[in-house]
Amino acid sequence: MSISTPGGPERRPTVVSTGKKPAAGRPASGAKAGTGKPAATPRAGGKGPRKPVTPVKVSQGRAWGPIALFVTVGVLAAGIIGYGAWASFQGSKPWDKKANAIDGIVNIRKTDKTSLEYESHKSGPLTYKYSPPVGGVHNAAWQNCMGDVYDAPIANEHAVHSLEHGAVWITYRPDLPKDQVEKLAGKVRGVEKMLMSPYEGLDKPISLQAWGYQLKVDNADDKRIDEFIKDLRVNASVEGPTALCNTGITATGTTPRELQQQPPTQ
């Protein structure tokens, strides 16, 4: 289109950009026709257009800290539950099963049951197969076993009767160091169904007896001592938990004696 202007030839009008989008079907300047995308930038040297660069995704990695914490907590929880189940099972085991599990214990009830048998009480000195004795025939009078710590040997015949009543009798060599003797005494003093005395001729420094059971150890720090007491005190009684431990013989000496005022027992 041309516009006639006075005094001169026809001129093309100056095109002024209005900022409007080009009409449909006409690509914008610098755009690839038909795509609406920016035209590819020519490579240096005329080797053709360069392809657009695809953005690279950067992996952030796993959050190992929380995972490790979760695993640790899970392992600890499983351990606690497992230990609780084990402890519950151990606590439910019969006392004799627990005693038999003590390393080094001798179960005469199982290995030599006939040595524990007797028909009636007998007076005077008696002979025993085991030293110290763990059961069998015995005197009618028992040794007082109310947590008594005797500083001299006592009669086997009375001590065996105490075992029949469910007592644990701790014996030790007379030359056992004083600190060891005191540790043993600390486990006995004031505890019903417990007694303690020195014993000549032991093949081990310390020997523990319950009716039909024996355990020999080298020192008072041995943890099996506490296990023996826990499992067998009262439990190993032949006459039941109500059998007496008081009103017994309190004198020392290896010669048995009679206690006339003592109530009759089976």
Protein backbone atom coordinates (compact mmCIF):
# COMPACT_ATOMS: atom_id res chain seq x y z
CA MET A 1 0.00 0.00 0.00
CA SER A 2 1.34 3.42 -0.90
CA ILE A 3 0.38 6.82 0.28
CA SER A 4 0.52 9.82 -1.96
CA THR A 5 2.01 12.80 -0.30
CA PRO A 6 1.84 16.28 -1.66
CA GLY A 7 4.91 17.48 -3.42
CA GLY A 8 6.67 14.21 -3.85
CA PRO A 9 6.66 10.72 -5.12
CA GLU A 10 5.07 7.86 -3.34
CA ARG A 11 6.89 6.54 -0.19
CA ARG A 12 6.53 3.40 1.78
CA PRO A 13 5.42 4.11 5.29
CA THR A 14 7.84 3.42 8.10
CA VAL A 15 6.97 0.21 9.90
CA VAL A 16 6.72 0.74 13.64
CA SER A 17 6.94 -2.26 16.03
CA THR A 18 3.94 -2.42 18.31
CA GLY A 19 5.14 -5.31 20.55
CA LYS A 20 2.28 -7.53 19.43
CA LYS A 21 2.78 -11.21 18.63
CA PRO A 22 3.07 -12.07 14.98
CA ALA A 23 0.02 -13.29 13.29
CA ALA A 24 -0.81 -16.98 13.37
CA GLY A 25 1.21 -19.02 10.94
CA ARG A 26 4.11 -16.61 10.88
CA PRO A 27 7.14 -17.57 13.03
CA ALA A 28 8.61 -15.07 15.39
CA SER A 29 11.99 -13.73 14.67
CA GLY A 30 14.68 -16.25 15.64
CA ALA A 31 12.22 -19.11 16.05
CA LYS A 32 12.17 -22.31 14.12
CA ALA A 33 9.17 -22.44 11.90
CA GLY A 34 6.37 -24.73 13.01
CA THR A 35 7.81 -25.48 16.49
CA GLY A 36 7.70 -22.32 18.49
CA LYS A 37 11.09 -23.33 19.91
CA PRO A 38 14.22 -21.25 19.72
CA ALA A 39 16.30 -21.97 16.68
CA ALA A 40 19.41 -24.04 17.29
CA THR A 41 22.58 -22.03 17.62
CA PRO A 42 24.95 -22.69 14.75
CA ARG A 43 28.22 -24.33 15.78
CA ALA A 44 31.47 -22.55 15.23
CA GLY A 45 33.07 -23.52 11.95
CA GLY A 46 29.80 -24.11 10.19
CA LYS A 47 29.30 -27.68 11.33
CA GLY A 48 25.59 -27.37 11.72
CA PRO A 49 23.29 -26.37 14.55
CA ARG A 50 24.16 -27.44 18.14
CA LYS A 51 21.58 -29.56 19.90
CA PRO A 52 20.01 -28.14 23.06
CA VAL A 53 21.69 -29.43 26.23
CA THR A 54 19.47 -31.68 28.37
CA PRO A 55 19.61 -30.71 32.12
CA VAL A 56 21.39 -33.32 34.28
CA LYS A 57 19.60 -34.40 37.46
CA VAL A 58 21.87 -34.55 40.54
CA SER A 59 21.12 -37.46 42.90
CA GLN A 60 20.85 -36.43 46.54
CA GLY A 61 21.69 -39.98 47.83
CA ARG A 62 20.00 -41.94 50.63
CA ALA A 63 19.54 -40.52 54.13
CA TRP A 64 21.79 -43.13 55.81
CA GLY A 65 21.71 -41.47 59.23
CA PRO A 66 18.01 -42.14 59.96
CA ILE A 67 18.27 -45.61 58.40
CA ALA A 68 21.20 -46.55 60.65
CA LEU A 69 19.36 -45.23 63.71
CA PHE A 70 16.25 -47.23 62.83
CA VAL A 71 18.27 -50.43 62.38
CA THR A 72 20.11 -49.89 65.68
CA VAL A 73 16.89 -49.33 67.59
CA GLY A 74 15.40 -52.44 65.98
CA VAL A 75 18.37 -54.59 66.95
CA LEU A 76 18.30 -53.32 70.55
CA ALA A 77 14.57 -53.93 70.83
CA ALA A 78 14.96 -57.47 69.49
CA GLY A 79 17.78 -58.10 71.96
CA ILE A 80 15.76 -56.87 74.92
CA ILE A 81 12.77 -58.96 73.94
CA GLY A 82 14.97 -62.01 73.39
CA TYR A 83 16.70 -61.63 76.75
CA GLY A 84 13.37 -61.16 78.50
CA ALA A 85 12.06 -64.37 76.94
CA TRP A 86 15.25 -66.23 77.91
CA ALA A 87 15.16 -64.92 81.48
CA SER A 88 11.49 -65.84 81.77
CA PHE A 89 12.25 -69.34 80.54
CA GLN A 90 15.17 -69.69 82.96
CA GLY A 91 13.04 -68.48 85.85
CA SER A 92 10.35 -71.03 85.05
CA LYS A 93 12.76 -73.99 85.13
CA PRO A 94 12.47 -76.34 88.12
CA TRP A 95 15.06 -75.79 90.87
CA ASP A 96 16.74 -79.15 90.25
CA LYS A 97 17.20 -78.34 86.57
CA LYS A 98 18.86 -75.06 87.53
CA ALA A 99 21.10 -76.83 90.04
CA ASN A 100 22.16 -79.46 87.53
CA ALA A 101 23.20 -76.66 85.16
CA ILE A 102 25.82 -75.36 87.63
CA ASP A 103 29.25 -76.18 86.26
CA GLY A 104 31.07 -78.72 88.42
CA ILE A 105 28.16 -79.66 90.67
CA VAL A 106 27.85 -83.31 91.71
CA ASN A 107 24.31 -84.65 91.87
CA ILE A 108 24.51 -87.63 94.24
CA ARG A 109 20.73 -88.00 94.02
CA LYS A 110 21.29 -89.09 90.45
CA THR A 111 24.67 -90.82 90.57
CA ASP A 112 24.49 -92.58 93.96
CA LYS A 113 20.97 -92.38 95.33
CA THR A 114 21.34 -95.39 97.66
CA SER A 115 24.01 -93.56 99.71
CA LEU A 116 21.33 -91.09 100.82
CA GLU A 117 18.90 -93.69 102.12
CA TYR A 118 18.33 -94.37 105.82
CA GLU A 119 15.66 -96.02 107.95
CA SER A 120 15.98 -94.15 111.23
CA HIS A 121 18.15 -91.78 113.25
CA LYS A 122 21.22 -93.24 114.92
CA SER A 123 23.29 -92.14 117.88
CA GLY A 124 27.05 -92.04 118.13
CA PRO A 125 29.73 -91.60 115.43
CA LEU A 126 28.69 -92.57 111.89
CA THR A 127 30.66 -93.31 108.72
CA TYR A 128 29.97 -91.47 105.46
CA LYS A 129 30.96 -92.22 101.89
CA TYR A 130 31.48 -88.59 100.91
CA SER A 131 33.60 -85.97 102.64
CA PRO A 132 31.98 -83.76 103.70
CA PRO A 133 28.81 -85.89 103.75
CA VAL A 134 25.79 -84.86 101.67
CA GLY A 135 23.09 -87.06 103.18
CA GLY A 136 22.24 -90.47 104.55
CA VAL A 137 21.87 -91.73 108.07
CA HIS A 138 22.26 -89.07 110.77
CA ASN A 139 21.75 -88.10 114.40
CA ALA A 140 18.34 -87.21 115.77
CA ALA A 141 19.62 -83.72 116.68
CA TRP A 142 20.38 -81.25 113.93
CA GLN A 143 22.99 -78.50 113.97
CA ASN A 144 21.49 -75.06 114.40
CA CYS A 145 21.24 -73.58 110.88
CA MET A 146 19.79 -70.11 111.32
CA GLY A 147 22.69 -68.41 109.56
CA ASP A 148 25.18 -69.81 112.10
CA VAL A 149 28.90 -69.28 111.43
CA TYR A 150 30.93 -71.77 113.46
CA ASP A 151 34.61 -71.06 114.05
CA ALA A 152 35.47 -74.71 114.74
CA PRO A 153 34.53 -78.07 113.14
CA ILE A 154 31.11 -79.52 113.92
CA ALA A 155 29.80 -83.09 113.96
CA ASN A 156 28.89 -84.57 110.58
CA GLU A 157 25.98 -86.41 112.16
CA HIS A 158 24.28 -83.15 113.16
CA ALA A 159 25.14 -81.25 109.99
CA VAL A 160 23.62 -83.96 107.76
CA HIS A 161 20.36 -83.64 109.69
CA SER A 162 20.45 -79.90 108.91
CA LEU A 163 20.83 -80.75 105.23
CA GLU A 164 17.74 -82.94 105.49
CA HIS A 165 15.87 -79.84 106.68
CA GLY A 166 16.91 -77.90 103.57
CA ALA A 167 20.07 -76.16 104.82
CA VAL A 168 23.16 -75.40 102.75
CA TRP A 169 26.35 -76.22 104.65
CA ILE A 170 29.49 -74.33 103.61
CA THR A 171 32.78 -75.88 104.69
CA TYR A 172 36.33 -74.61 104.16
CA ARG A 173 39.92 -75.53 104.92
CA PRO A 174 41.10 -74.22 108.30
CA ASP A 175 44.00 -72.42 106.56
CA LEU A 176 41.74 -70.50 104.16
CA PRO A 177 42.78 -66.79 104.22
CA LYS A 178 40.74 -64.68 106.64
CA ASP A 179 39.38 -62.39 103.92
CA GLN A 180 38.03 -65.46 102.08
CA VAL A 181 36.46 -66.81 105.27
CA GLU A 182 34.79 -63.45 105.85
CA LYS A 183 33.35 -63.39 102.33
CA LEU A 184 31.81 -66.79 102.92
CA ALA A 185 30.50 -65.71 106.32
CA GLY A 186 28.81 -62.73 104.66
CA LYS A 187 26.71 -65.15 102.62
CA VAL A 188 25.66 -67.09 105.73
CA ARG A 189 25.10 -64.75 108.67
CA GLY A 190 21.46 -64.17 109.49
CA VAL A 191 20.16 -66.35 106.63
CA GLU A 192 17.85 -69.17 107.69
CA LYS A 193 18.74 -72.64 106.37
CA MET A 194 22.44 -71.71 106.18
CA LEU A 195 25.44 -72.80 108.29
CA MET A 196 29.21 -72.71 107.91
CA SER A 197 32.21 -74.33 109.59
CA PRO A 198 35.89 -75.22 108.95
CA TYR A 199 36.54 -78.81 107.82
CA GLU A 200 39.73 -80.83 107.99
CA GLY A 201 41.03 -82.76 104.98
CA LEU A 202 39.18 -81.01 102.12
CA ASP A 203 40.61 -81.68 98.66
CA LYS A 204 39.50 -78.18 97.60
CA PRO A 205 39.63 -74.94 99.61
CA ILE A 206 35.82 -74.67 99.80
CA SER A 207 33.05 -77.26 99.62
CA LEU A 208 29.28 -76.64 99.60
CA GLN A 209 26.70 -79.27 100.56
CA ALA A 210 22.94 -79.60 100.21
CA TRP A 211 21.05 -82.87 100.59
CA GLY A 212 22.30 -84.95 97.66
CA TYR A 213 24.39 -82.18 96.07
CA GLN A 214 27.99 -81.00 96.38
CA LEU A 215 30.12 -78.29 94.77
CA LYS A 216 33.83 -77.70 95.41
CA VAL A 217 35.53 -74.43 94.44
CA ASP A 218 38.90 -72.73 94.85
CA ASN A 219 37.92 -69.35 96.30
CA ALA A 220 35.08 -67.39 97.84
CA ASP A 221 34.73 -65.13 94.79
CA ASP A 222 33.43 -68.00 92.63
CA LYS A 223 29.99 -66.99 91.33
CA ARG A 224 28.80 -70.60 91.47
CA ILE A 225 28.60 -70.33 95.25
CA ASP A 226 25.68 -67.90 94.99
CA GLU A 227 24.03 -70.06 92.33
CA PHE A 228 24.29 -73.12 94.56
CA ILE A 229 22.74 -71.29 97.51
CA LYS A 230 19.97 -69.73 95.41
CA ASP A 231 18.94 -72.99 93.75
CA LEU A 232 19.30 -75.45 96.64
CA ARG A 233 18.67 -73.64 99.94
CA VAL A 234 15.24 -74.80 101.21
CA ASN A 235 14.53 -76.48 97.84
CA ALA A 236 16.73 -79.50 98.59
CA SER A 237 14.86 -80.22 101.83
CA VAL A 238 13.68 -83.80 102.29
CA GLU A 239 11.09 -82.78 104.90
CA GLY A 240 9.74 -79.65 103.21
CA PRO A 241 10.23 -75.91 103.75
CA THR A 242 8.69 -75.92 107.23
CA ALA A 243 11.40 -78.16 108.72
CA LEU A 244 13.10 -76.38 111.62
CA CYS A 245 16.58 -74.94 111.71
CA ASN A 246 16.43 -73.40 115.18
CA THR A 247 16.55 -75.21 118.57
CA GLY A 248 19.43 -77.33 117.24
CA ILE A 249 22.92 -78.11 118.48
CA THR A 250 24.98 -74.94 118.76
CA ALA A 251 28.13 -76.46 120.25
CA THR A 252 31.19 -77.24 118.12
CA GLY A 253 33.20 -80.46 118.11
CA THR A 254 33.17 -83.51 115.86
CA THR A 255 31.70 -85.88 118.45
CA PRO A 256 27.90 -86.12 118.09
CA ARG A 257 25.75 -85.46 121.14
CA GLU A 258 22.08 -85.72 122.02
CA LEU A 259 19.75 -82.82 122.72
CA GLN A 260 17.07 -84.11 125.07
CA GLN A 261 14.84 -81.05 124.90
CA GLN A 262 14.76 -81.06 121.10
CA PRO A 263 11.32 -81.85 119.64
CA PRO A 264 11.07 -85.22 117.88
CA THR A 265 11.53 -85.29 114.10
CA GLN A 266 11.09 -87.85 111.43
